Protein backbone atom coordinates (compact mmCIF):
# COMPACT_ATOMS: atom_id res chain seq x y z
CA UNK A 1 17.01 1.87 52.30
CA UNK A 2 17.39 3.67 48.99
CA UNK A 3 16.15 7.20 49.11
CA UNK A 4 13.73 8.51 46.48
CA UNK A 5 15.05 11.35 44.36
CA UNK A 6 12.55 14.01 43.61
CA UNK A 7 13.04 16.08 40.47
CA UNK A 8 11.34 19.19 39.32
CA UNK A 9 9.69 19.38 35.96
CA UNK A 10 12.52 21.59 34.68
CA UNK A 11 15.18 19.08 35.88
CA UNK A 12 13.32 16.21 34.18
CA UNK A 13 13.15 18.06 30.91
CA UNK A 14 16.89 18.85 31.13
CA UNK A 15 17.63 15.14 31.73
CA UNK A 16 15.48 14.08 28.78
CA UNK A 17 17.16 16.64 26.57
CA UNK A 18 20.63 15.42 27.66
CA UNK A 19 19.65 11.83 26.75
CA UNK A 20 18.41 12.98 23.39
CA UNK A 21 21.64 14.86 22.62
CA UNK A 22 23.72 11.86 23.71
CA UNK A 23 21.76 9.55 21.43
CA UNK A 24 21.99 11.97 18.52
CA UNK A 25 25.76 12.23 18.96
CA UNK A 26 26.10 8.45 19.04
CA UNK A 27 24.08 8.06 15.86
CA UNK A 28 26.15 10.75 14.14
CA UNK A 29 29.37 9.04 15.20
CA UNK A 30 28.07 5.67 13.94
CA UNK A 31 27.13 7.24 10.61
CA UNK A 32 30.55 8.83 10.35
CA UNK A 33 32.22 5.46 11.01
CA UNK A 34 30.07 3.83 8.33
CA UNK A 35 30.94 6.61 5.92
CA UNK A 36 34.65 6.26 6.62
CA UNK A 37 34.43 2.53 6.19
CA UNK A 38 32.59 2.97 2.87
CA UNK A 39 35.59 4.91 1.51
CA UNK A 40 37.53 1.72 0.89
CA UNK A 41 39.42 1.03 -2.30
CA UNK A 42 40.94 -1.76 -4.36
CA UNK A 43 44.46 -0.80 -3.36
CA UNK A 44 44.85 -3.86 -1.09
CA UNK A 45 42.80 -6.21 -3.24
CA UNK A 46 44.97 -9.32 -4.04
CA UNK A 47 43.26 -10.05 -7.34
CA UNK A 48 44.82 -8.89 -10.59
CA UNK A 49 43.86 -9.37 -14.22
CA UNK A 50 46.19 -9.33 -17.18
CA UNK A 51 43.78 -9.84 -20.03
CA UNK A 52 43.80 -13.62 -20.59
CA UNK A 53 40.92 -14.77 -22.79
CA UNK A 54 39.78 -17.58 -20.58
CA UNK A 55 36.22 -17.98 -19.26
CA UNK A 56 37.22 -19.55 -15.94
CA UNK A 57 39.93 -16.92 -15.30
CA UNK A 58 37.54 -14.08 -16.04
CA UNK A 59 34.79 -15.40 -13.84
CA UNK A 60 37.21 -16.10 -11.02
CA UNK A 61 38.48 -12.51 -11.21
CA UNK A 62 34.99 -11.01 -11.31
CA UNK A 63 33.78 -13.11 -8.39
CA UNK A 64 36.83 -12.14 -6.37
CA UNK A 65 36.53 -8.38 -6.90
CA UNK A 66 32.79 -8.33 -6.35
CA UNK A 67 33.22 -10.15 -3.06
CA UNK A 68 36.07 -7.80 -2.00
CA UNK A 69 33.96 -4.75 -2.91
CA UNK A 70 31.11 -5.97 -0.70
CA UNK A 71 33.36 -6.85 2.25
CA UNK A 72 35.20 -3.57 2.14
CA UNK A 73 31.95 -1.58 1.57
CA UNK A 74 33.36 0.15 -1.49
CA UNK A 75 30.83 2.35 -3.19
CA UNK A 76 30.07 1.93 -6.87
CA UNK A 77 31.59 5.34 -7.56
CA UNK A 78 34.88 4.52 -5.81
CA UNK A 79 34.97 1.05 -7.36
CA UNK A 80 34.61 2.64 -10.78
CA UNK A 81 37.50 4.96 -10.08
CA UNK A 82 39.77 2.29 -8.58
CA UNK A 83 39.21 -0.70 -10.87
CA UNK A 84 42.26 0.34 -12.97
CA UNK A 85 44.46 -0.66 -10.04
CA UNK A 86 43.59 -4.31 -10.71
CA UNK A 87 44.56 -4.31 -14.36
CA UNK A 88 48.02 -4.94 -15.82
CA UNK A 89 49.49 -5.71 -19.27
CA UNK A 90 46.92 -6.11 -22.03
CA UNK A 91 44.04 -5.52 -19.65
CA UNK A 92 45.44 -2.16 -18.58
CA UNK A 93 45.89 -1.07 -22.19
CA UNK A 94 42.40 -2.24 -22.99
CA UNK A 95 40.88 -0.33 -20.09
CA UNK A 96 42.47 2.95 -21.17
CA UNK A 97 40.50 2.65 -24.41
CA UNK A 98 37.10 1.65 -23.04
CA UNK A 99 36.94 3.36 -19.62
CA UNK A 100 34.73 6.13 -20.98
CA UNK A 101 32.09 3.54 -21.91
CA UNK A 102 31.77 2.43 -18.29
CA UNK A 103 29.24 4.68 -16.61
CA UNK A 104 28.36 2.28 -13.77
CA UNK A 105 29.92 -0.65 -11.89
CA UNK A 106 27.70 -3.06 -13.79
CA UNK A 107 29.06 -1.61 -17.04
CA UNK A 108 32.57 -2.52 -15.87
CA UNK A 109 31.73 -6.18 -15.29
CA UNK A 110 29.79 -6.37 -18.59
CA UNK A 111 32.73 -4.89 -20.51
CA UNK A 112 35.20 -7.37 -18.98
CA UNK A 113 33.01 -10.31 -19.87
CA UNK A 114 32.16 -9.09 -23.37
CA UNK A 115 35.81 -8.54 -24.32
CA UNK A 116 37.67 -11.31 -22.59
CA UNK A 117 34.99 -13.98 -22.16
CA UNK A 118 32.32 -13.48 -24.81
CA UNK A 119 29.34 -15.77 -24.44
CA UNK A 120 29.66 -18.86 -26.59
CA UNK A 121 26.65 -19.98 -28.63
CA UNK A 122 24.94 -22.99 -27.14
CA UNK A 123 25.97 -25.32 -29.96
CA UNK A 124 29.66 -24.56 -29.36
CA UNK A 125 29.25 -25.33 -25.66
CA UNK A 126 27.66 -28.68 -26.52
CA UNK A 127 30.63 -29.43 -28.84
CA UNK A 128 33.01 -28.70 -25.93
CA UNK A 129 31.03 -30.91 -23.56
CA UNK A 130 30.91 -33.95 -25.79
CA UNK A 131 34.30 -33.45 -27.44
CA UNK A 132 36.26 -35.49 -24.92
CA UNK A 133 35.42 -38.54 -22.79
CA UNK A 134 37.04 -39.24 -19.46
CA UNK A 135 40.55 -40.67 -19.79
CA UNK A 136 42.05 -43.36 -17.57
CA UNK A 137 44.30 -40.97 -15.63
CA UNK A 138 41.62 -38.33 -14.92
CA UNK A 139 39.92 -38.49 -11.51
CA UNK A 140 36.14 -38.48 -11.48
CA UNK A 141 36.09 -35.31 -9.31
CA UNK A 142 38.14 -33.41 -11.90
CA UNK A 143 36.14 -34.70 -14.85
CA UNK A 144 32.69 -33.98 -13.41
CA UNK A 145 33.86 -30.49 -12.27
CA UNK A 146 35.03 -29.63 -15.80
CA UNK A 147 31.83 -30.82 -17.45
CA UNK A 148 29.61 -29.03 -14.93
CA UNK A 149 31.52 -25.82 -15.52
CA UNK A 150 30.67 -26.11 -19.24
CA UNK A 151 27.03 -26.93 -18.52
CA UNK A 152 26.83 -23.80 -16.38
CA UNK A 153 27.60 -21.70 -19.46
CA UNK A 154 24.39 -22.83 -21.18
CA UNK A 155 21.32 -20.58 -21.00
CA UNK A 156 19.76 -20.77 -17.55
CA UNK A 157 17.05 -23.45 -17.23
CA UNK A 158 18.09 -25.27 -20.37
CA UNK A 159 18.44 -28.67 -18.59
CA UNK A 160 17.52 -30.07 -15.21
CA UNK A 161 20.07 -31.97 -13.08
CA UNK A 162 18.86 -35.39 -14.27
CA UNK A 163 19.50 -34.52 -17.90
CA UNK A 164 22.93 -33.10 -17.06
CA UNK A 165 23.77 -36.31 -15.21
CA UNK A 166 22.78 -38.25 -18.38
CA UNK A 167 25.26 -36.19 -20.38
CA UNK A 168 28.13 -36.65 -17.94
CA UNK A 169 27.41 -40.33 -17.19
CA UNK A 170 27.66 -41.19 -20.91
CA UNK A 171 31.12 -39.61 -21.02
CA UNK A 172 32.48 -41.47 -18.00
CA UNK A 173 35.26 -44.01 -18.41
CA UNK A 174 33.92 -47.54 -18.75
CA UNK A 175 35.59 -48.58 -15.51
CA UNK A 176 33.11 -46.43 -13.67
CA UNK A 177 30.01 -47.28 -15.70
CA UNK A 178 30.68 -51.02 -15.16
CA UNK A 179 30.18 -50.55 -11.42
CA UNK A 180 27.72 -47.67 -11.31
CA UNK A 181 24.23 -48.17 -12.71
CA UNK A 182 22.61 -45.05 -14.10
CA UNK A 183 19.39 -45.66 -12.20
CA UNK A 184 21.34 -45.59 -8.92
CA UNK A 185 22.37 -41.97 -9.49
CA UNK A 186 19.96 -39.24 -8.48
CA UNK A 187 22.35 -36.33 -7.98
CA UNK A 188 25.92 -35.40 -8.91
CA UNK A 189 26.81 -35.95 -5.27
CA UNK A 190 25.71 -39.59 -5.58
CA UNK A 191 27.85 -39.97 -8.69
CA UNK A 192 30.95 -38.51 -7.02
CA UNK A 193 30.62 -40.60 -3.87
CA UNK A 194 30.27 -43.86 -5.79
CA UNK A 195 33.10 -42.86 -8.15
CA UNK A 196 35.48 -42.20 -5.24
CA UNK A 197 34.74 -45.63 -3.77
CA UNK A 198 35.62 -47.21 -7.13
CA UNK A 199 38.87 -45.25 -7.31
CA UNK A 200 39.83 -46.24 -3.82
CA UNK A 201 39.11 -49.94 -4.56
CA UNK A 202 41.14 -49.75 -7.77
CA UNK A 203 44.15 -48.30 -5.94
CA UNK A 204 44.01 -51.17 -3.42
CA UNK A 205 43.82 -53.73 -6.27
CA UNK A 206 46.86 -52.18 -7.97
CA UNK A 207 48.80 -52.29 -4.72
CA UNK A 208 47.94 -55.97 -4.26
CA UNK A 209 48.95 -56.81 -7.81
CA UNK A 210 52.34 -55.18 -7.48
CA UNK A 211 53.21 -57.44 -4.54
CA UNK A 212 56.29 -56.92 -2.37
CA UNK A 213 58.96 -54.47 -3.38
CA UNK A 214 61.91 -55.92 -5.28
CA UNK A 215 64.68 -56.91 -2.85
CA UNK A 216 62.40 -57.09 0.20
CA UNK A 217 62.26 -60.13 2.42
CA UNK A 218 60.00 -62.90 1.24
CA UNK A 219 60.50 -62.15 -2.47
CA UNK A 220 61.35 -65.17 -4.61
CA UNK A 221 65.01 -65.50 -5.67
CA UNK A 222 66.14 -67.44 -8.68
CA UNK A 223 69.06 -69.76 -7.82
CA UNK A 224 70.17 -69.75 -11.48
CA UNK A 225 70.64 -66.00 -12.20
CA UNK A 226 70.44 -64.92 -8.55
CA UNK A 227 67.80 -62.24 -9.32
CA UNK A 228 64.66 -61.82 -7.24
CA UNK A 229 61.08 -61.89 -8.53
CA UNK A 230 60.96 -65.33 -10.09
CA UNK A 231 61.94 -68.98 -9.49
CA UNK A 232 64.51 -71.14 -11.25
CA UNK A 233 61.76 -72.84 -13.25
CA UNK A 234 60.55 -69.41 -14.47
CA UNK A 235 64.00 -68.04 -15.23
CA UNK A 236 64.19 -66.81 -18.82
CA UNK A 237 68.04 -66.71 -18.73
CA UNK A 238 68.12 -70.43 -17.86
CA UNK A 239 65.71 -71.26 -20.63
CA UNK A 240 67.65 -69.21 -23.10
CA UNK A 241 70.93 -70.82 -22.13
CA UNK A 242 69.43 -74.28 -22.41
CA UNK A 243 68.07 -73.51 -25.85
């Protein structure tokens, strides 16, 4: 049987104090680890920016460095000091001239956007949206993605999804609108799913129309010119010679 251990009041107090000290040391160590981890930097960040004036490139760069900063627990102060590591070329020269204007991390992001991707007025975004319809060789995924990226630049809350679908649907190639009724589309996901089915069916139709490969077994051979792909009755050389 287990024996009961009797402790004096003094021994119990010593035990409690030892537990308290151990817990305090553990908390201090954890805080130190967090502090060390928070001292990350952008030195290993794979994203770089050279100063291209392109909305998509700027937003991709900003999204990448914001995510990296959060994952590596980089403080705003350290991020402000290390952001220059991510610039090269024109962007590096630009940063040397404006760095004094950046007092906070949010100032850095605002400066990048203002200089390299200034907000377009709404009317200009509408011009870009309706400027070009879908061409025959552009997949529906690519086309919808491009138009939605432009729509996202409009002031927030300007249009609901149904209205945006109306815009994009009217710009679709006729080969899609012939098979997709507007009332059947409730979301962009519906539009993409139906559009992919149409593309798949069109690819199968094209394969059937091409028929067997030239020179393969079963292909017709003309006995007049000895070329495959047509019969003697269809032979243009024979008809030309006879004429």
